[in-house]
Amino acid sequence: MITMATNAYLWCAKHKSHCFALLMSMMGIFLGLSSVQAQELRANVTVTTGGKVNNNTSRKVFTTLQNAIKEFLNGRRWSDEGFAPAERIECNFLLTITEDVGNNTFRANLTVQSTRPVYNAGYLSSTLNMQDVNVAFRYVEFQPLEFSDNRVVGNDPLASNLTAILAYYTYIILGLDADSFAPRGGDDYFKKALNIVSNAPDGKEISGWKPFEGNRNRYWLQDNLLNVKFSRFHDVMYQYHRQGMDMMYEDMNKGRNAVMNCLNMLYAVYQDIPNSMLMAVFFSAKADELQKIFAKAPPQEKTRAAQLLAQMDVTNAAKYQQMK
């Protein structure tokens, strides 16, 4: 049932005018649902501790926090789009508490991962895999996690910082997912992420929202995603998934050629703006997949792909060289 509903979702990327009717019938027949309106995420949430965490801090607090974050992400609507349960985006949020500062205040690292289904393959392709090391927040057990796009900062900047960060990455996930199904499909979500950055909580413990706080932070990711200089990146996200990954079940060579074309497009972006955060984020999600895609390619194509990848993604250069 899930596979058929997922295939319907992918089909809708090409045939939007019939999408709603098809999804209604598919969900009604196979899932017994009267509406396709549902939350967008299926987030797995884990809160762990490490580093300078006060042993007197009750572990129960972090369990409560984990459940609260899961409900915050999965229990609310993040868009006006209709998502059937089978279409909810699979994602992971791993919050590692690194320091208990006191006064219910913590520092942490956040790892965020998301995937999208590949047509007729039973395979999930990674769309985001990144770590944010600038997470500081205040949390009082059982205090509700609140967020509003119209008032991002809330009453307490440190308490609001956690929900602002979670909402920010939710919009990034939704935007990348939408980009992979429709040309420039994620723009509205990226603008919502920009709204959070522009109105983010401020304080001495809070960082990651401003351009001068580093070249790999939340500010620069949303900046890259909305910067016209990276417009080809969005073309790549669509063509890589719809013309590349989704085609491989039907014609492996055709799908791989589309991915190769995407590498050439990315290389043009890389030449204009080397070492950008957006490129690093893309390859963090795609490195393993790209290695597998070209592992069985013809020798000349494999060599060309390895050369391009090693230049654009130095972090994984050794991995790509193994393809030759």
Protein backbone atom coordinates (compact mmCIF):
# COMPACT_ATOMS: atom_id res chain seq x y z
CA MET A 1 0.00 0.00 0.00
CA ILE A 2 2.78 2.41 0.92
CA THR A 3 4.61 1.77 -2.35
CA MET A 4 1.52 2.51 -4.43
CA ALA A 5 0.78 5.69 -2.50
CA THR A 6 4.40 6.79 -2.85
CA ASN A 7 4.35 6.12 -6.58
CA ALA A 8 1.21 8.23 -6.83
CA TYR A 9 3.03 11.04 -5.07
CA LEU A 10 5.92 10.86 -7.51
CA TRP A 11 3.54 10.76 -10.46
CA CYS A 12 1.94 13.95 -9.15
CA ALA A 13 5.20 15.82 -9.59
CA LYS A 14 4.62 15.60 -13.34
CA HIS A 15 0.82 15.71 -13.43
CA LYS A 16 -0.16 18.30 -10.87
CA SER A 17 -3.61 18.97 -12.32
CA HIS A 18 -4.74 15.44 -11.46
CA CYS A 19 -2.77 15.10 -8.24
CA PHE A 20 -5.44 15.85 -5.69
CA ALA A 21 -8.06 13.55 -7.19
CA LEU A 22 -5.59 10.71 -7.57
CA LEU A 23 -4.32 10.97 -4.03
CA MET A 24 -7.83 11.13 -2.64
CA SER A 25 -8.81 7.93 -4.41
CA MET A 26 -5.57 6.13 -3.59
CA MET A 27 -5.72 7.03 0.07
CA GLY A 28 -9.39 6.23 0.30
CA ILE A 29 -8.99 2.81 -1.28
CA PHE A 30 -5.76 1.68 0.30
CA LEU A 31 -5.59 3.53 3.59
CA GLY A 32 -9.23 4.17 4.33
CA LEU A 33 -8.70 7.89 4.78
CA SER A 34 -11.24 10.62 4.12
CA SER A 35 -8.64 13.36 3.65
CA VAL A 36 -5.06 13.71 2.51
CA GLN A 37 -4.46 16.63 4.89
CA ALA A 38 -1.83 15.55 7.41
CA GLN A 39 1.41 16.63 9.00
CA GLU A 40 4.45 16.76 6.76
CA LEU A 41 7.15 15.03 8.80
CA ARG A 42 7.75 11.58 10.15
CA ALA A 43 10.62 12.59 12.41
CA ASN A 44 12.59 10.21 14.56
CA VAL A 45 13.93 12.18 17.53
CA THR A 46 16.74 11.20 19.88
CA VAL A 47 18.14 13.27 22.74
CA THR A 48 21.43 12.04 24.20
CA THR A 49 23.97 13.46 26.63
CA GLY A 50 27.73 13.80 26.61
CA GLY A 51 30.49 16.18 27.56
CA LYS A 52 29.91 18.57 30.47
CA VAL A 53 26.48 17.45 31.53
CA ASN A 54 25.67 17.80 35.22
CA ASN A 55 25.10 14.37 36.72
CA ASN A 56 22.48 15.95 38.97
CA THR A 57 20.39 16.82 35.95
CA SER A 58 17.59 14.29 35.81
CA ARG A 59 17.77 12.04 32.76
CA LYS A 60 14.00 12.17 32.85
CA VAL A 61 14.24 15.81 31.74
CA PHE A 62 15.92 14.76 28.50
CA THR A 63 13.38 12.00 27.93
CA THR A 64 10.61 14.54 28.37
CA LEU A 65 12.43 16.91 26.01
CA GLN A 66 12.79 14.15 23.41
CA ASN A 67 9.06 13.46 23.49
CA ALA A 68 8.27 17.18 23.35
CA ILE A 69 10.47 17.70 20.28
CA LYS A 70 8.93 14.69 18.56
CA GLU A 71 5.45 16.07 19.15
CA PHE A 72 6.56 19.55 18.06
CA LEU A 73 7.89 18.26 14.73
CA ASN A 74 5.31 15.60 13.94
CA GLY A 75 2.21 17.01 15.55
CA ARG A 76 1.80 20.29 13.71
CA ARG A 77 1.16 21.49 10.18
CA TRP A 78 4.12 23.28 8.62
CA SER A 79 2.50 24.16 5.29
CA ASP A 80 -0.79 24.43 3.45
CA GLU A 81 0.07 21.42 1.30
CA GLY A 82 -1.84 18.17 1.60
CA PHE A 83 0.38 15.30 2.78
CA ALA A 84 -1.03 11.79 2.99
CA PRO A 85 0.45 9.67 5.79
CA ALA A 86 2.46 7.64 3.26
CA GLU A 87 3.97 10.86 1.91
CA ARG A 88 5.34 12.18 5.19
CA ILE A 89 9.03 12.93 4.95
CA GLU A 90 11.31 10.51 6.78
CA CYS A 91 13.83 12.47 8.85
CA ASN A 92 16.02 12.21 11.93
CA PHE A 93 16.82 14.80 14.59
CA LEU A 94 19.63 13.80 16.96
CA LEU A 95 20.19 16.34 19.75
CA THR A 96 23.35 15.68 21.76
CA ILE A 97 23.50 17.72 24.97
CA THR A 98 27.16 18.71 25.43
CA GLU A 99 26.93 21.03 28.42
CA ASP A 100 24.58 21.84 31.27
CA VAL A 101 25.17 25.55 31.80
CA GLY A 102 22.77 25.79 34.71
CA ASN A 103 19.43 27.55 35.16
CA ASN A 104 17.81 24.99 32.83
CA THR A 105 20.13 26.10 30.03
CA PHE A 106 22.02 23.72 27.76
CA ARG A 107 24.45 23.67 24.87
CA ALA A 108 24.12 20.95 22.25
CA ASN A 109 24.90 19.65 18.78
CA LEU A 110 22.06 18.85 16.42
CA THR A 111 22.32 16.34 13.57
CA VAL A 112 19.54 16.60 10.98
CA GLN A 113 18.93 14.04 8.24
CA SER A 114 16.13 13.66 5.70
CA THR A 115 15.32 11.42 2.74
CA ARG A 116 12.91 11.14 -0.17
CA PRO A 117 11.65 7.94 -1.84
CA VAL A 118 13.00 6.89 -5.22
CA TYR A 119 10.31 5.87 -7.67
CA ASN A 120 9.61 2.14 -7.84
CA ALA A 121 12.82 1.28 -6.00
CA GLY A 122 12.03 0.79 -2.32
CA TYR A 123 15.01 3.06 -1.69
CA LEU A 124 15.30 6.36 0.20
CA SER A 125 17.69 8.96 -1.22
CA SER A 126 19.32 11.29 1.30
CA THR A 127 18.47 14.96 0.81
CA LEU A 128 20.03 16.41 3.97
CA ASN A 129 22.71 15.23 6.36
CA MET A 130 24.31 17.92 8.46
CA GLN A 131 25.35 18.86 11.97
CA ASP A 132 24.72 22.15 13.74
CA VAL A 133 27.16 22.71 16.62
CA ASN A 134 25.71 26.06 17.70
CA VAL A 135 22.62 25.02 19.61
CA ALA A 136 21.96 26.74 22.95
CA PHE A 137 18.58 26.76 24.65
CA ARG A 138 16.61 26.86 27.86
CA TYR A 139 14.19 24.07 28.65
CA VAL A 140 12.03 23.61 31.73
CA GLU A 141 10.53 20.14 31.98
CA PHE A 142 6.92 19.96 30.80
CA GLN A 143 7.03 23.54 29.51
CA PRO A 144 5.39 23.45 26.06
CA LEU A 145 7.53 24.08 22.98
CA GLU A 146 5.99 27.05 21.22
CA PHE A 147 6.71 28.63 17.86
CA SER A 148 5.09 31.21 15.61
CA ASP A 149 6.33 32.39 12.23
CA ASN A 150 4.95 35.81 13.15
CA ARG A 151 6.84 36.03 16.43
CA VAL A 152 9.94 33.87 16.19
CA VAL A 153 11.72 35.32 19.21
CA GLY A 154 8.91 34.65 21.71
CA ASN A 155 9.04 35.84 25.32
CA ASP A 156 12.31 34.14 26.26
CA PRO A 157 15.06 34.20 23.58
CA LEU A 158 16.87 31.14 24.93
CA ALA A 159 13.69 29.09 25.17
CA SER A 160 12.62 30.30 21.72
CA ASN A 161 16.00 29.46 20.21
CA LEU A 162 15.33 25.72 20.33
CA THR A 163 11.99 25.94 18.55
CA ALA A 164 13.38 28.47 16.05
CA ILE A 165 16.18 26.04 15.16
CA LEU A 166 13.80 23.09 14.87
CA ALA A 167 11.39 25.09 12.70
CA TYR A 168 14.27 26.38 10.56
CA TYR A 169 15.49 22.87 9.74
CA THR A 170 11.93 21.71 9.16
CA TYR A 171 11.57 24.33 6.43
CA ILE A 172 14.95 23.38 4.97
CA ILE A 173 13.83 19.73 4.85
CA LEU A 174 10.52 20.64 3.24
CA GLY A 175 12.23 22.93 0.73
CA LEU A 176 14.79 20.38 -0.39
CA ASP A 177 12.10 17.72 -0.66
CA ALA A 178 9.90 20.01 -2.76
CA ASP A 179 12.87 20.99 -4.95
CA SER A 180 13.39 17.30 -5.72
CA PHE A 181 9.84 16.89 -7.06
CA ALA A 182 9.20 20.15 -8.91
CA PRO A 183 11.41 22.87 -10.44
CA ARG A 184 12.03 25.52 -7.75
CA GLY A 185 9.43 23.77 -5.65
CA GLY A 186 11.14 24.67 -2.39
CA ASP A 187 11.31 28.46 -2.72
CA ASP A 188 8.43 29.22 -0.36
CA TYR A 189 9.92 27.02 2.36
CA PHE A 190 13.35 28.59 2.00
CA LYS A 191 11.72 32.01 2.37
CA LYS A 192 10.15 30.81 5.61
CA ALA A 193 13.62 29.77 6.78
CA LEU A 194 14.84 33.26 5.86
CA ASN A 195 12.05 34.76 7.97
CA ILE A 196 13.33 32.80 10.96
CA VAL A 197 16.91 33.92 10.36
CA SER A 198 15.83 37.56 9.99
CA ASN A 199 13.84 37.46 13.24
CA ALA A 200 15.92 34.96 15.20
CA PRO A 201 16.36 35.10 18.97
CA ASP A 202 19.38 37.08 20.13
CA GLY A 203 21.56 36.78 23.22
CA LYS A 204 25.10 36.16 24.42
CA GLU A 205 24.57 32.38 24.51
CA ILE A 206 22.94 32.28 21.07
CA SER A 207 24.87 31.92 17.81
CA GLY A 208 24.52 30.58 14.27
CA TRP A 209 22.03 33.11 12.96
CA LYS A 210 24.43 35.84 11.82
CA PRO A 211 26.88 36.01 8.88
CA PHE A 212 29.83 37.06 11.04
CA GLU A 213 29.47 34.03 13.33
CA GLY A 214 31.19 31.70 10.85
CA ASN A 215 30.92 30.58 7.24
CA ARG A 216 29.07 27.33 7.99
CA ASN A 217 25.94 28.21 9.90
CA ARG A 218 22.19 28.66 9.56
CA TYR A 219 22.55 32.12 8.07
CA TRP A 220 24.77 30.97 5.22
CA LEU A 221 22.68 27.92 4.36
CA GLN A 222 19.52 29.95 3.80
CA ASP A 223 21.55 32.66 2.08
CA ASN A 224 22.94 30.16 -0.42
CA LEU A 225 19.54 28.58 -1.00
CA LEU A 226 17.98 31.93 -1.97
CA ASN A 227 21.00 33.48 -3.69
CA VAL A 228 20.55 33.79 -7.46
CA LYS A 229 24.16 32.65 -7.89
CA PHE A 230 23.03 29.20 -6.77
CA SER A 231 19.96 29.00 -9.01
CA ARG A 232 21.47 26.04 -10.87
CA PHE A 233 21.63 24.12 -7.62
CA HIS A 234 17.82 23.99 -7.58
CA ASP A 235 17.82 22.74 -11.17
CA VAL A 236 20.21 20.02 -10.04
CA MET A 237 17.98 19.00 -7.12
CA TYR A 238 15.07 18.48 -9.50
CA GLN A 239 16.96 16.83 -12.37
CA TYR A 240 19.08 14.63 -10.10
CA HIS A 241 16.01 13.10 -8.49
CA ARG A 242 13.26 13.19 -11.11
CA GLN A 243 15.34 12.61 -14.25
CA GLY A 244 18.12 10.69 -12.56
CA MET A 245 17.18 8.62 -9.53
CA ASP A 246 13.50 8.14 -10.44
CA MET A 247 14.45 6.96 -13.94
CA MET A 248 16.95 4.31 -12.91
CA TYR A 249 14.36 1.59 -12.35
CA GLU A 250 13.40 1.96 -16.03
CA ASP A 251 16.75 2.76 -17.64
CA MET A 252 19.89 2.72 -15.49
CA ASN A 253 22.08 4.32 -18.15
CA LYS A 254 19.62 7.12 -18.82
CA GLY A 255 19.27 7.84 -15.12
CA ARG A 256 23.02 7.81 -14.56
CA ASN A 257 23.56 10.12 -17.54
CA ALA A 258 21.14 12.59 -15.97
CA VAL A 259 23.11 12.47 -12.73
CA MET A 260 26.31 13.04 -14.72
CA ASN A 261 24.74 16.11 -16.30
CA CYS A 262 23.96 17.32 -12.80
CA LEU A 263 27.61 16.96 -11.80
CA ASN A 264 28.59 19.13 -14.75
CA MET A 265 26.04 21.74 -13.67
CA LEU A 266 27.33 21.64 -10.11
CA TYR A 267 30.88 22.04 -11.35
CA ALA A 268 29.88 25.29 -13.05
CA VAL A 269 28.50 26.50 -9.70
CA TYR A 270 31.67 25.34 -7.95
CA GLN A 271 33.86 27.28 -10.37
CA ASP A 272 31.91 30.46 -9.68
CA ILE A 273 31.67 29.98 -5.90
CA PRO A 274 34.11 27.37 -4.56
CA ASN A 275 33.87 26.08 -0.99
CA SER A 276 30.29 27.23 -0.45
CA MET A 277 28.21 25.85 2.39
CA LEU A 278 25.47 24.68 0.05
CA MET A 279 27.82 22.48 -1.95
CA ALA A 280 29.21 20.99 1.26
CA VAL A 281 25.68 20.24 2.47
CA PHE A 282 24.76 18.61 -0.85
CA PHE A 283 27.76 16.29 -0.89
CA SER A 284 27.39 15.41 2.77
CA ALA A 285 24.00 13.97 1.80
CA LYS A 286 24.99 12.48 -1.56
CA ALA A 287 28.62 11.26 -1.37
CA ASP A 288 27.86 7.60 -0.64
CA GLU A 289 25.04 7.51 -3.16
CA LEU A 290 27.16 9.06 -5.92
CA GLN A 291 29.93 6.57 -5.33
CA LYS A 292 27.46 3.70 -5.77
CA ILE A 293 25.85 5.25 -8.85
CA PHE A 294 29.13 5.50 -10.75
CA ALA A 295 30.81 2.37 -9.38
CA LYS A 296 29.44 0.33 -12.32
CA ALA A 297 29.59 3.07 -14.95
CA PRO A 298 31.71 2.67 -18.11
CA PRO A 299 35.40 3.42 -17.37
CA GLN A 300 35.51 6.80 -19.10
CA GLU A 301 32.35 8.02 -17.40
CA LYS A 302 33.51 6.68 -14.05
CA THR A 303 36.85 8.49 -14.34
CA ARG A 304 35.18 11.77 -15.30
CA ALA A 305 32.74 11.53 -12.39
CA ALA A 306 35.54 10.75 -9.94
CA GLN A 307 37.54 13.74 -11.14
CA LEU A 308 34.63 16.15 -10.81
CA LEU A 309 33.58 14.83 -7.43
CA ALA A 310 37.09 14.87 -5.98
CA GLN A 311 37.48 18.52 -6.99
CA MET A 312 34.12 19.67 -5.68
CA ASP A 313 34.06 17.53 -2.53
CA VAL A 314 37.58 17.34 -1.14
CA THR A 315 36.32 15.85 2.13
CA ASN A 316 35.33 12.65 0.32
CA ALA A 317 38.02 12.71 -2.38
CA ALA A 318 39.57 9.42 -1.25
CA LYS A 319 36.18 7.74 -1.49
CA TYR A 320 35.69 8.94 -5.07
CA GLN A 321 39.19 7.90 -6.12
CA GLN A 322 38.27 4.32 -5.24
CA MET A 323 35.78 4.35 -8.12
CA LYS A 324 38.52 4.56 -10.76
